[in-house]
Amino acid sequence: MTDIEDKLSFRNIKPTAMRILVLQHLMEHDKALSLQSIEDAFEKADKSTIYRTLKTFEKKKLVHAIDDGTKQVKYALCLESCECETIDLHYHFHCNSCQSTYCLTNQNIPQIDLPKDFQMQQANMVIKGLCSECNN
């Protein structure tokens, strides 16, 4: 079994050819990727298959979706220990110049004390500025 198949197996995802290709593509990038950029990388593949693959990955907690304010949801790999619970939520950095979005997994979003009977389902903290490449 390959490292990619191991990652899929760990999350109970059947390793189809498209799932292996999409996961490999995500692993080759250090930034979050939009659905459009993933579709562009596999221009001969069925777009609905790619979308369903990403939704399966998200449901099985292999990737998380990021709303960085660009009106394009981006996808990034979760850490192996991630269960996409409140404790796993982390900051994201969006570069205003190149439009890249990065996970800042070394800093978690602080615990928020919500009013009684409120339940958090999602939190998103995006820091915007210039990435190291655009800042030089």
Protein backbone atom coordinates (compact mmCIF):
# COMPACT_ATOMS: atom_id res chain seq x y z
CA MET A 1 0.00 0.00 0.00
CA THR A 2 1.25 3.51 -0.81
CA ASP A 3 1.32 6.48 1.54
CA ILE A 4 -1.66 7.92 -0.33
CA GLU A 5 -3.66 4.71 -0.04
CA ASP A 6 -2.74 4.57 3.67
CA LYS A 7 -4.12 8.09 4.18
CA LEU A 8 -7.35 7.14 2.44
CA SER A 9 -7.62 3.88 4.34
CA PHE A 10 -7.00 5.66 7.68
CA ARG A 11 -10.12 7.77 7.01
CA ASN A 12 -12.14 4.81 5.69
CA ILE A 13 -12.16 6.11 2.11
CA LYS A 14 -12.10 3.60 -0.74
CA PRO A 15 -8.98 4.31 -2.87
CA THR A 16 -10.41 4.93 -6.36
CA ALA A 17 -8.17 6.27 -9.13
CA MET A 18 -9.63 9.80 -8.93
CA ARG A 19 -9.40 9.92 -5.13
CA ILE A 20 -5.75 8.89 -5.30
CA LEU A 21 -5.01 11.55 -7.95
CA VAL A 22 -6.82 14.34 -6.08
CA LEU A 23 -5.16 13.46 -2.77
CA GLN A 24 -1.75 13.32 -4.44
CA HIS A 25 -2.40 16.74 -5.99
CA LEU A 26 -3.39 18.22 -2.62
CA MET A 27 -0.30 16.71 -0.98
CA GLU A 28 1.96 18.36 -3.58
CA HIS A 29 0.86 21.85 -2.53
CA ASP A 30 1.57 23.72 0.69
CA LYS A 31 -1.45 25.96 0.28
CA ALA A 32 -5.20 25.49 0.06
CA LEU A 33 -6.60 24.85 -3.43
CA SER A 34 -9.89 25.95 -4.93
CA LEU A 35 -12.21 23.53 -6.67
CA GLN A 36 -11.48 25.39 -9.90
CA SER A 37 -7.71 24.96 -9.60
CA ILE A 38 -8.13 21.24 -8.89
CA GLU A 39 -10.49 20.89 -11.87
CA ASP A 40 -7.93 22.72 -14.03
CA ALA A 41 -5.25 20.22 -13.00
CA PHE A 42 -7.48 17.36 -14.19
CA GLU A 43 -9.14 18.99 -17.19
CA LYS A 44 -10.13 15.68 -18.79
CA ALA A 45 -11.78 14.38 -15.60
CA ASP A 46 -15.48 14.72 -14.86
CA LYS A 47 -15.99 17.86 -12.74
CA SER A 48 -18.76 16.31 -10.68
CA THR A 49 -16.45 13.40 -9.79
CA ILE A 50 -13.83 15.84 -8.52
CA TYR A 51 -16.45 17.74 -6.53
CA ARG A 52 -17.84 14.53 -5.01
CA THR A 53 -14.29 13.41 -4.20
CA LEU A 54 -13.64 16.63 -2.27
CA LYS A 55 -16.98 16.36 -0.46
CA THR A 56 -16.14 12.78 0.52
CA PHE A 57 -12.72 13.91 1.76
CA GLU A 58 -14.37 16.69 3.76
CA LYS A 59 -17.01 14.39 5.25
CA LYS A 60 -14.34 11.86 6.25
CA LYS A 61 -12.14 14.64 7.71
CA LEU A 62 -9.27 14.24 5.27
CA VAL A 63 -9.61 17.87 4.11
CA HIS A 64 -11.25 20.96 5.48
CA ALA A 65 -12.95 23.72 3.52
CA ILE A 66 -11.82 27.31 3.97
CA ASP A 67 -13.90 30.41 3.29
CA ASP A 68 -11.18 33.03 2.86
CA GLY A 69 -13.50 35.77 1.62
CA THR A 70 -12.65 35.29 -2.08
CA LYS A 71 -16.04 33.70 -2.89
CA GLN A 72 -14.18 30.48 -3.78
CA VAL A 73 -14.08 27.76 -1.15
CA LYS A 74 -10.59 26.32 -0.85
CA TYR A 75 -9.58 22.89 0.38
CA ALA A 76 -6.57 21.93 2.48
CA LEU A 77 -5.43 18.66 3.98
CA CYS A 78 -6.23 18.09 7.62
CA LEU A 79 -3.50 17.05 10.01
CA GLU A 80 -3.55 13.32 10.67
CA SER A 81 -4.67 13.94 14.24
CA CYS A 82 -7.46 16.27 13.13
CA GLU A 83 -11.04 15.32 13.79
CA CYS A 84 -12.38 18.71 12.60
CA GLU A 85 -13.66 19.45 16.07
CA THR A 86 -13.60 22.87 17.70
CA ILE A 87 -10.20 22.09 19.21
CA ASP A 88 -8.76 21.53 15.70
CA LEU A 89 -9.82 24.91 14.31
CA HIS A 90 -6.86 27.02 13.26
CA TYR A 91 -6.10 30.35 11.63
CA HIS A 92 -5.69 30.78 7.89
CA PHE A 93 -3.60 33.33 6.01
CA HIS A 94 -4.77 34.75 2.68
CA CYS A 95 -2.30 36.66 0.49
CA ASN A 96 -3.91 39.74 -1.02
CA SER A 97 -1.42 39.73 -3.89
CA CYS A 98 -1.20 36.14 -5.21
CA GLN A 99 -4.56 35.04 -3.71
CA SER A 100 -3.00 31.97 -2.03
CA THR A 101 -4.46 30.70 1.25
CA TYR A 102 -2.38 28.85 3.83
CA CYS A 103 -3.28 26.92 6.99
CA LEU A 104 -1.55 28.17 10.13
CA THR A 105 -1.88 24.91 12.00
CA ASN A 106 0.56 25.85 14.75
CA GLN A 107 -2.01 28.22 16.30
CA ASN A 108 -5.54 27.16 17.16
CA ILE A 109 -8.48 29.52 17.33
CA PRO A 110 -9.13 30.22 21.03
CA GLN A 111 -12.11 28.67 22.79
CA ILE A 112 -15.11 30.99 22.67
CA ASP A 113 -17.60 30.98 25.54
CA LEU A 114 -20.97 31.13 23.83
CA PRO A 115 -24.24 32.03 25.55
CA LYS A 116 -26.31 29.22 27.06
CA ASP A 117 -27.91 26.92 24.47
CA PHE A 118 -25.73 28.25 21.62
CA GLN A 119 -23.76 25.62 19.69
CA MET A 120 -20.77 26.45 17.51
CA GLN A 121 -20.72 24.54 14.26
CA GLN A 122 -17.97 26.41 12.47
CA ALA A 123 -15.43 29.14 13.11
CA ASN A 124 -13.25 30.85 10.54
CA MET A 125 -10.37 33.21 11.21
CA VAL A 126 -8.58 34.54 8.14
CA ILE A 127 -5.60 36.85 8.41
CA LYS A 128 -4.96 38.83 5.23
CA GLY A 129 -1.71 40.35 4.05
CA LEU A 130 1.29 39.42 1.90
CA CYS A 131 2.87 35.96 1.84
CA SER A 132 6.65 35.63 2.01
CA GLU A 133 7.03 35.44 -1.79
CA CYS A 134 4.89 38.52 -2.46
CA ASN A 135 6.50 40.46 0.39
CA ASN A 136 9.98 40.22 -1.21
